[in-house]
Amino acid sequence: ERDGMIGNIYSMGLALQALGATGRFYAPREWDCAQAFSVVYSHEYRQPMAIAQVLPALVGTSYLEAAGLDCAASAGTSPSLQLSPSPEPATTGVHRAPITVHYSIVNKLQGRHFNYTTSVQVPGGSPLLEVLQVAAAEKPDIFSFQTKQTSWGPMVISIHGLAANPDDRTYWQFFGGEDALQEGVGTYEPRDGERIWAVFSTY
């Protein structure tokens, strides 16, 4: 229904594992395996947790099969991996043209409602987190925010003093235009002229 997307890009790995592991139980209904995998192939995964979840599906296995591995039997036949460190991209002296991002924070849900917008400049290719940091540095009384580190990267837990709360099921949801972002603030790279909304929401 969504060009192969199951949930969002971060849920794809587990969804593909589940569909692959339980295929014999849900026949005769079919799902388009090739279309779903094309979504995975076209995405550049950067979060270690997302990579760890999608890799088993890419090799036709799942976490369920890990318990059945016989490491002793395969120890003599598996080639040892000799990993050399990846070269760091050369960034010294590389100029990234600045882009302008329009950033809004909106609360129409709790307490005193607010809707603030600013435009900031960041180097092209910067993650959304850098947009938030620049906005907070320029106007700290309005765009201050807090993050919490998770296994999926930094998660914004508070903006303008308004904190997400699991008890009332509130959180800060980010949009690019009218579409909810499928990546977190640590990996999403806004485009020049893009409008980003942080909306206090419920789940």
C-alpha atoms as a PDB file:
ATOM      1  CA  GLU A   1       0.000   0.000   0.000  1.00  0.00           C
ATOM      2  CA  ARG A   2       2.935   2.350   0.688  1.00  0.00           C
ATOM      3  CA  ASP A   3       5.324   1.296  -2.085  1.00  0.00           C
ATOM      4  CA  GLY A   4       6.684  -1.518   0.049  1.00  0.00           C
ATOM      5  CA  MET A   5       7.097   0.402   3.305  1.00  0.00           C
ATOM      6  CA  ILE A   6       5.988  -1.510   6.405  1.00  0.00           C
ATOM      7  CA  GLY A   7       5.475   0.927   9.272  1.00  0.00           C
ATOM      8  CA  ASN A   8       8.491   3.201   8.866  1.00  0.00           C
ATOM      9  CA  ILE A   9      12.073   2.737   7.766  1.00  0.00           C
ATOM     10  CA  TYR A  10      13.127   1.749  11.288  1.00  0.00           C
ATOM     11  CA  SER A  11      10.501  -0.978  11.651  1.00  0.00           C
ATOM     12  CA  MET A  12      11.323  -2.518   8.258  1.00  0.00           C
ATOM     13  CA  GLY A  13      14.094  -4.790   9.542  1.00  0.00           C
ATOM     14  CA  LEU A  14      11.966  -6.514  12.176  1.00  0.00           C
ATOM     15  CA  ALA A  15       8.938  -6.619   9.870  1.00  0.00           C
ATOM     16  CA  LEU A  16      10.944  -8.363   7.129  1.00  0.00           C
ATOM     17  CA  GLN A  17      12.386 -10.810   9.663  1.00  0.00           C
ATOM     18  CA  ALA A  18       8.902 -11.617  10.958  1.00  0.00           C
ATOM     19  CA  LEU A  19       7.420 -12.072   7.488  1.00  0.00           C
ATOM     20  CA  GLY A  20      10.317 -14.244   6.409  1.00  0.00           C
ATOM     21  CA  ALA A  21      10.261 -16.422   9.544  1.00  0.00           C
ATOM     22  CA  THR A  22       6.489 -16.947   9.552  1.00  0.00           C
ATOM     23  CA  GLY A  23       5.902 -17.238   5.809  1.00  0.00           C
ATOM     24  CA  ARG A  24       4.577 -20.770   5.992  1.00  0.00           C
ATOM     25  CA  PHE A  25       1.934 -19.777   8.553  1.00  0.00           C
ATOM     26  CA  TYR A  26       0.163 -16.922   6.775  1.00  0.00           C
ATOM     27  CA  ALA A  27      -0.433 -18.452   3.323  1.00  0.00           C
ATOM     28  CA  PRO A  28      -2.322 -17.985   1.067  1.00  0.00           C
ATOM     29  CA  ARG A  29      -2.057 -14.231   1.540  1.00  0.00           C
ATOM     30  CA  GLU A  30       0.958 -12.889  -0.300  1.00  0.00           C
ATOM     31  CA  TRP A  31       3.159  -9.887   0.304  1.00  0.00           C
ATOM     32  CA  ASP A  32       5.448  -8.285  -2.231  1.00  0.00           C
ATOM     33  CA  CYS A  33       8.865  -9.317  -0.941  1.00  0.00           C
ATOM     34  CA  ALA A  34      10.765  -7.608  -3.776  1.00  0.00           C
ATOM     35  CA  GLN A  35       8.962  -4.323  -3.253  1.00  0.00           C
ATOM     36  CA  ALA A  36       9.643  -4.355   0.492  1.00  0.00           C
ATOM     37  CA  PHE A  37      13.321  -5.159  -0.014  1.00  0.00           C
ATOM     38  CA  SER A  38      13.636  -2.383  -2.607  1.00  0.00           C
ATOM     39  CA  VAL A  39      12.717   0.079   0.165  1.00  0.00           C
ATOM     40  CA  VAL A  40      15.546  -1.308   2.304  1.00  0.00           C
ATOM     41  CA  TYR A  41      18.060  -1.264  -0.558  1.00  0.00           C
ATOM     42  CA  SER A  42      17.314   2.357  -1.401  1.00  0.00           C
ATOM     43  CA  HIS A  43      17.771   3.636   2.162  1.00  0.00           C
ATOM     44  CA  GLU A  44      21.139   4.552   3.656  1.00  0.00           C
ATOM     45  CA  TYR A  45      20.978   3.124   7.156  1.00  0.00           C
ATOM     46  CA  ARG A  46      23.182   4.921   9.684  1.00  0.00           C
ATOM     47  CA  GLN A  47      21.825   3.858  13.060  1.00  0.00           C
ATOM     48  CA  PRO A  48      23.539   0.707  14.406  1.00  0.00           C
ATOM     49  CA  MET A  49      20.250  -0.598  15.831  1.00  0.00           C
ATOM     50  CA  ALA A  50      18.492  -0.287  12.469  1.00  0.00           C
ATOM     51  CA  ILE A  51      21.414  -1.980  10.710  1.00  0.00           C
ATOM     52  CA  ALA A  52      21.382  -4.826  13.245  1.00  0.00           C
ATOM     53  CA  GLN A  53      17.684  -5.415  12.597  1.00  0.00           C
ATOM     54  CA  VAL A  54      17.797  -5.279   8.808  1.00  0.00           C
ATOM     55  CA  LEU A  55      20.935  -7.398   8.250  1.00  0.00           C
ATOM     56  CA  PRO A  56      19.366 -10.764   9.217  1.00  0.00           C
ATOM     57  CA  ALA A  57      16.502 -10.179   6.766  1.00  0.00           C
ATOM     58  CA  LEU A  58      18.984  -9.341   4.002  1.00  0.00           C
ATOM     59  CA  VAL A  59      20.670 -12.743   4.401  1.00  0.00           C
ATOM     60  CA  GLY A  60      17.372 -14.624   4.650  1.00  0.00           C
ATOM     61  CA  THR A  61      17.342 -15.339   8.368  1.00  0.00           C
ATOM     62  CA  SER A  62      15.925 -13.896  11.592  1.00  0.00           C
ATOM     63  CA  TYR A  63      16.771 -13.465  15.263  1.00  0.00           C
ATOM     64  CA  LEU A  64      14.682 -16.592  15.918  1.00  0.00           C
ATOM     65  CA  GLU A  65      17.305 -18.747  14.230  1.00  0.00           C
ATOM     66  CA  ALA A  66      20.168 -17.450  16.402  1.00  0.00           C
ATOM     67  CA  ALA A  67      19.331 -19.954  19.163  1.00  0.00           C
ATOM     68  CA  GLY A  68      19.917 -22.834  16.749  1.00  0.00           C
ATOM     69  CA  LEU A  69      23.407 -21.790  15.649  1.00  0.00           C
ATOM     70  CA  ASP A  70      26.130 -24.366  16.317  1.00  0.00           C
ATOM     71  CA  CYS A  71      29.160 -22.141  16.739  1.00  0.00           C
ATOM     72  CA  ALA A  72      31.470 -25.071  17.603  1.00  0.00           C
ATOM     73  CA  ALA A  73      30.662 -26.864  14.354  1.00  0.00           C
ATOM     74  CA  SER A  74      31.177 -23.794  12.211  1.00  0.00           C
ATOM     75  CA  ALA A  75      34.280 -22.473  13.979  1.00  0.00           C
ATOM     76  CA  GLY A  76      36.667 -24.456  11.781  1.00  0.00           C
ATOM     77  CA  THR A  77      34.983 -23.584   8.514  1.00  0.00           C
ATOM     78  CA  SER A  78      34.190 -19.915   8.929  1.00  0.00           C
ATOM     79  CA  PRO A  79      36.904 -17.642   7.596  1.00  0.00           C
ATOM     80  CA  SER A  80      38.194 -15.222  10.174  1.00  0.00           C
ATOM     81  CA  LEU A  81      37.215 -11.677   9.505  1.00  0.00           C
ATOM     82  CA  GLN A  82      40.022  -9.194   9.305  1.00  0.00           C
ATOM     83  CA  LEU A  83      38.425  -5.823   9.406  1.00  0.00           C
ATOM     84  CA  SER A  84      40.472  -2.792   8.632  1.00  0.00           C
ATOM     85  CA  PRO A  85      39.203   0.516   9.929  1.00  0.00           C
ATOM     86  CA  SER A  86      37.247   2.489   7.393  1.00  0.00           C
ATOM     87  CA  PRO A  87      39.017   5.635   6.302  1.00  0.00           C
ATOM     88  CA  GLU A  88      37.462   8.727   7.740  1.00  0.00           C
ATOM     89  CA  PRO A  89      35.971  11.020   5.112  1.00  0.00           C
ATOM     90  CA  ALA A  90      38.228  13.969   4.476  1.00  0.00           C
ATOM     91  CA  THR A  91      36.371  16.991   5.760  1.00  0.00           C
ATOM     92  CA  THR A  92      39.287  19.334   6.372  1.00  0.00           C
ATOM     93  CA  GLY A  93      39.138  22.170   3.935  1.00  0.00           C
ATOM     94  CA  VAL A  94      35.885  20.948   2.383  1.00  0.00           C
ATOM     95  CA  HIS A  95      33.372  23.769   2.142  1.00  0.00           C
ATOM     96  CA  ARG A  96      29.737  22.760   2.346  1.00  0.00           C
ATOM     97  CA  ALA A  97      27.474  25.448   0.927  1.00  0.00           C
ATOM     98  CA  PRO A  98      25.071  26.814   3.537  1.00  0.00           C
ATOM     99  CA  ILE A  99      21.395  26.004   3.314  1.00  0.00           C
ATOM    100  CA  THR A 100      18.423  27.727   4.908  1.00  0.00           C
ATOM    101  CA  VAL A 101      15.945  25.697   6.910  1.00  0.00           C
ATOM    102  CA  HIS A 102      12.654  27.089   8.239  1.00  0.00           C
ATOM    103  CA  TYR A 103      11.985  25.591  11.662  1.00  0.00           C
ATOM    104  CA  SER A 104       8.713  25.830  13.595  1.00  0.00           C
ATOM    105  CA  ILE A 105       7.685  24.588  17.031  1.00  0.00           C
ATOM    106  CA  VAL A 106       3.976  24.133  17.706  1.00  0.00           C
ATOM    107  CA  ASN A 107       1.971  23.237  20.795  1.00  0.00           C
ATOM    108  CA  LYS A 108      -1.816  23.202  20.540  1.00  0.00           C
ATOM    109  CA  LEU A 109      -2.188  20.369  22.996  1.00  0.00           C
ATOM    110  CA  GLN A 110      -1.324  21.356  26.554  1.00  0.00           C
ATOM    111  CA  GLY A 111      -0.973  24.403  28.757  1.00  0.00           C
ATOM    112  CA  ARG A 112      -0.171  27.671  27.065  1.00  0.00           C
ATOM    113  CA  HIS A 113      -0.296  27.124  23.304  1.00  0.00           C
ATOM    114  CA  PHE A 114       2.510  28.461  21.125  1.00  0.00           C
ATOM    115  CA  ASN A 115       3.642  28.568  17.511  1.00  0.00           C
ATOM    116  CA  TYR A 116       7.092  29.987  16.767  1.00  0.00           C
ATOM    117  CA  THR A 117       9.070  29.982  13.528  1.00  0.00           C
ATOM    118  CA  THR A 118      12.640  30.871  12.682  1.00  0.00           C
ATOM    119  CA  SER A 119      14.950  30.458   9.715  1.00  0.00           C
ATOM    120  CA  VAL A 120      18.488  29.238  10.297  1.00  0.00           C
ATOM    121  CA  GLN A 121      21.502  28.582   8.133  1.00  0.00           C
ATOM    122  CA  VAL A 122      23.542  25.407   8.476  1.00  0.00           C
ATOM    123  CA  PRO A 123      26.092  23.726   6.200  1.00  0.00           C
ATOM    124  CA  GLY A 124      24.514  21.475   3.579  1.00  0.00           C
ATOM    125  CA  GLY A 125      24.359  17.868   4.705  1.00  0.00           C
ATOM    126  CA  SER A 126      23.926  18.809   8.361  1.00  0.00           C
ATOM    127  CA  PRO A 127      21.602  16.658  10.456  1.00  0.00           C
ATOM    128  CA  LEU A 128      18.375  18.166  11.746  1.00  0.00           C
ATOM    129  CA  LEU A 129      19.902  18.212  15.228  1.00  0.00           C
ATOM    130  CA  GLU A 130      22.258  20.951  14.055  1.00  0.00           C
ATOM    131  CA  VAL A 131      19.286  23.038  12.912  1.00  0.00           C
ATOM    132  CA  LEU A 132      17.809  22.762  16.410  1.00  0.00           C
ATOM    133  CA  GLN A 133      21.147  23.685  17.983  1.00  0.00           C
ATOM    134  CA  VAL A 134      21.574  26.792  15.829  1.00  0.00           C
ATOM    135  CA  ALA A 135      17.985  27.894  16.497  1.00  0.00           C
ATOM    136  CA  ALA A 136      18.506  27.413  20.247  1.00  0.00           C
ATOM    137  CA  ALA A 137      21.783  29.336  20.155  1.00  0.00           C
ATOM    138  CA  GLU A 138      20.199  32.249  18.291  1.00  0.00           C
ATOM    139  CA  LYS A 139      16.955  32.393  20.302  1.00  0.00           C
ATOM    140  CA  PRO A 140      17.425  30.368  23.512  1.00  0.00           C
ATOM    141  CA  ASP A 141      14.328  31.793  25.206  1.00  0.00           C
ATOM    142  CA  ILE A 142      12.132  30.276  22.453  1.00  0.00           C
ATOM    143  CA  PHE A 143      13.923  27.336  20.825  1.00  0.00           C
ATOM    144  CA  SER A 144      15.709  25.727  23.775  1.00  0.00           C
ATOM    145  CA  PHE A 145      15.431  21.942  23.739  1.00  0.00           C
ATOM    146  CA  GLN A 146      16.658  18.798  25.449  1.00  0.00           C
ATOM    147  CA  THR A 147      17.528  15.386  24.055  1.00  0.00           C
ATOM    148  CA  LYS A 148      17.958  11.923  25.493  1.00  0.00           C
ATOM    149  CA  GLN A 149      20.417   9.453  23.979  1.00  0.00           C
ATOM    150  CA  THR A 150      18.783   6.182  22.904  1.00  0.00           C
ATOM    151  CA  SER A 151      19.959   3.123  20.990  1.00  0.00           C
ATOM    152  CA  TRP A 152      18.341   4.765  17.943  1.00  0.00           C
ATOM    153  CA  GLY A 153      20.261   8.032  18.427  1.00  0.00           C
ATOM    154  CA  PRO A 154      19.277  11.303  20.111  1.00  0.00           C
ATOM    155  CA  MET A 155      15.574  11.760  20.838  1.00  0.00           C
ATOM    156  CA  VAL A 156      14.114  15.220  21.503  1.00  0.00           C
ATOM    157  CA  ILE A 157      12.262  15.086  24.809  1.00  0.00           C
ATOM    158  CA  SER A 158      11.608  18.776  25.483  1.00  0.00           C
ATOM    159  CA  ILE A 159      11.234  21.973  23.455  1.00  0.00           C
ATOM    160  CA  HIS A 160      10.507  25.465  24.830  1.00  0.00           C
ATOM    161  CA  GLY A 161      10.279  23.941  28.311  1.00  0.00           C
ATOM    162  CA  LEU A 162       7.490  21.545  27.307  1.00  0.00           C
ATOM    163  CA  ALA A 163       8.544  17.968  27.970  1.00  0.00           C
ATOM    164  CA  ALA A 164       7.213  14.742  26.509  1.00  0.00           C
ATOM    165  CA  ASN A 165       5.521  12.521  29.083  1.00  0.00           C
ATOM    166  CA  PRO A 166       4.838   8.791  28.730  1.00  0.00           C
ATOM    167  CA  ASP A 167       2.097   9.019  31.385  1.00  0.00           C
ATOM    168  CA  ASP A 168      -0.056  11.227  29.147  1.00  0.00           C
ATOM    169  CA  ARG A 169       1.423   9.690  25.955  1.00  0.00           C
ATOM    170  CA  THR A 170       2.856  12.939  24.594  1.00  0.00           C
ATOM    171  CA  TYR A 171       5.946  13.420  22.464  1.00  0.00           C
ATOM    172  CA  TRP A 172       7.556  15.800  19.974  1.00  0.00           C
ATOM    173  CA  GLN A 173       6.836  14.693  16.410  1.00  0.00           C
ATOM    174  CA  PHE A 174       8.843  16.127  13.511  1.00  0.00           C
ATOM    175  CA  PHE A 175       7.458  16.858  10.064  1.00  0.00           C
ATOM    176  CA  GLY A 176       9.037  17.852   6.760  1.00  0.00           C
ATOM    177  CA  GLY A 177       6.225  19.884   5.260  1.00  0.00           C
ATOM    178  CA  GLU A 178       3.096  17.784   5.847  1.00  0.00           C
ATOM    179  CA  ASP A 179       4.869  14.420   6.090  1.00  0.00           C
ATOM    180  CA  ALA A 180       6.124  12.913   9.330  1.00  0.00           C
ATOM    181  CA  LEU A 181       9.876  12.358   9.202  1.00  0.00           C
ATOM    182  CA  GLN A 182      10.940   8.714   8.963  1.00  0.00           C
ATOM    183  CA  GLU A 183      14.345   9.414  10.529  1.00  0.00           C
ATOM    184  CA  GLY A 184      15.480  10.902  13.807  1.00  0.00           C
ATOM    185  CA  VAL A 185      17.029  14.319  14.379  1.00  0.00           C
ATOM    186  CA  GLY A 186      20.506  12.778  14.464  1.00  0.00           C
ATOM    187  CA  THR A 187      20.344  11.402  10.915  1.00  0.00           C
ATOM    188  CA  TYR A 188      17.715  13.342   8.932  1.00  0.00           C
ATOM    189  CA  GLU A 189      19.337  15.892   6.617  1.00  0.00           C
ATOM    190  CA  PRO A 190      17.042  18.799   5.704  1.00  0.00           C
ATOM    191  CA  ARG A 191      17.108  20.214   2.196  1.00  0.00           C
ATOM    192  CA  ASP A 192      17.685  23.851   1.331  1.00  0.00           C
ATOM    193  CA  GLY A 193      14.475  25.792   1.859  1.00  0.00           C
ATOM    194  CA  GLU A 194      12.732  22.925   3.645  1.00  0.00           C
ATOM    195  CA  ARG A 195      10.177  23.680   6.348  1.00  0.00           C
ATOM    196  CA  ILE A 196      10.525  21.533   9.461  1.00  0.00           C
ATOM    197  CA  TRP A 197       7.806  21.388  12.097  1.00  0.00           C
ATOM    198  CA  ALA A 198       8.186  20.075  15.637  1.00  0.00           C
ATOM    199  CA  VAL A 199       4.635  19.424  16.843  1.00  0.00           C
ATOM    200  CA  PHE A 200       3.722  18.408  20.366  1.00  0.00           C
ATOM    201  CA  SER A 201       1.582  15.324  19.773  1.00  0.00           C
ATOM    202  CA  THR A 202      -0.011  12.265  21.359  1.00  0.00           C
ATOM    203  CA  TYR A 203       0.350   8.599  20.476  1.00  0.00           C
END
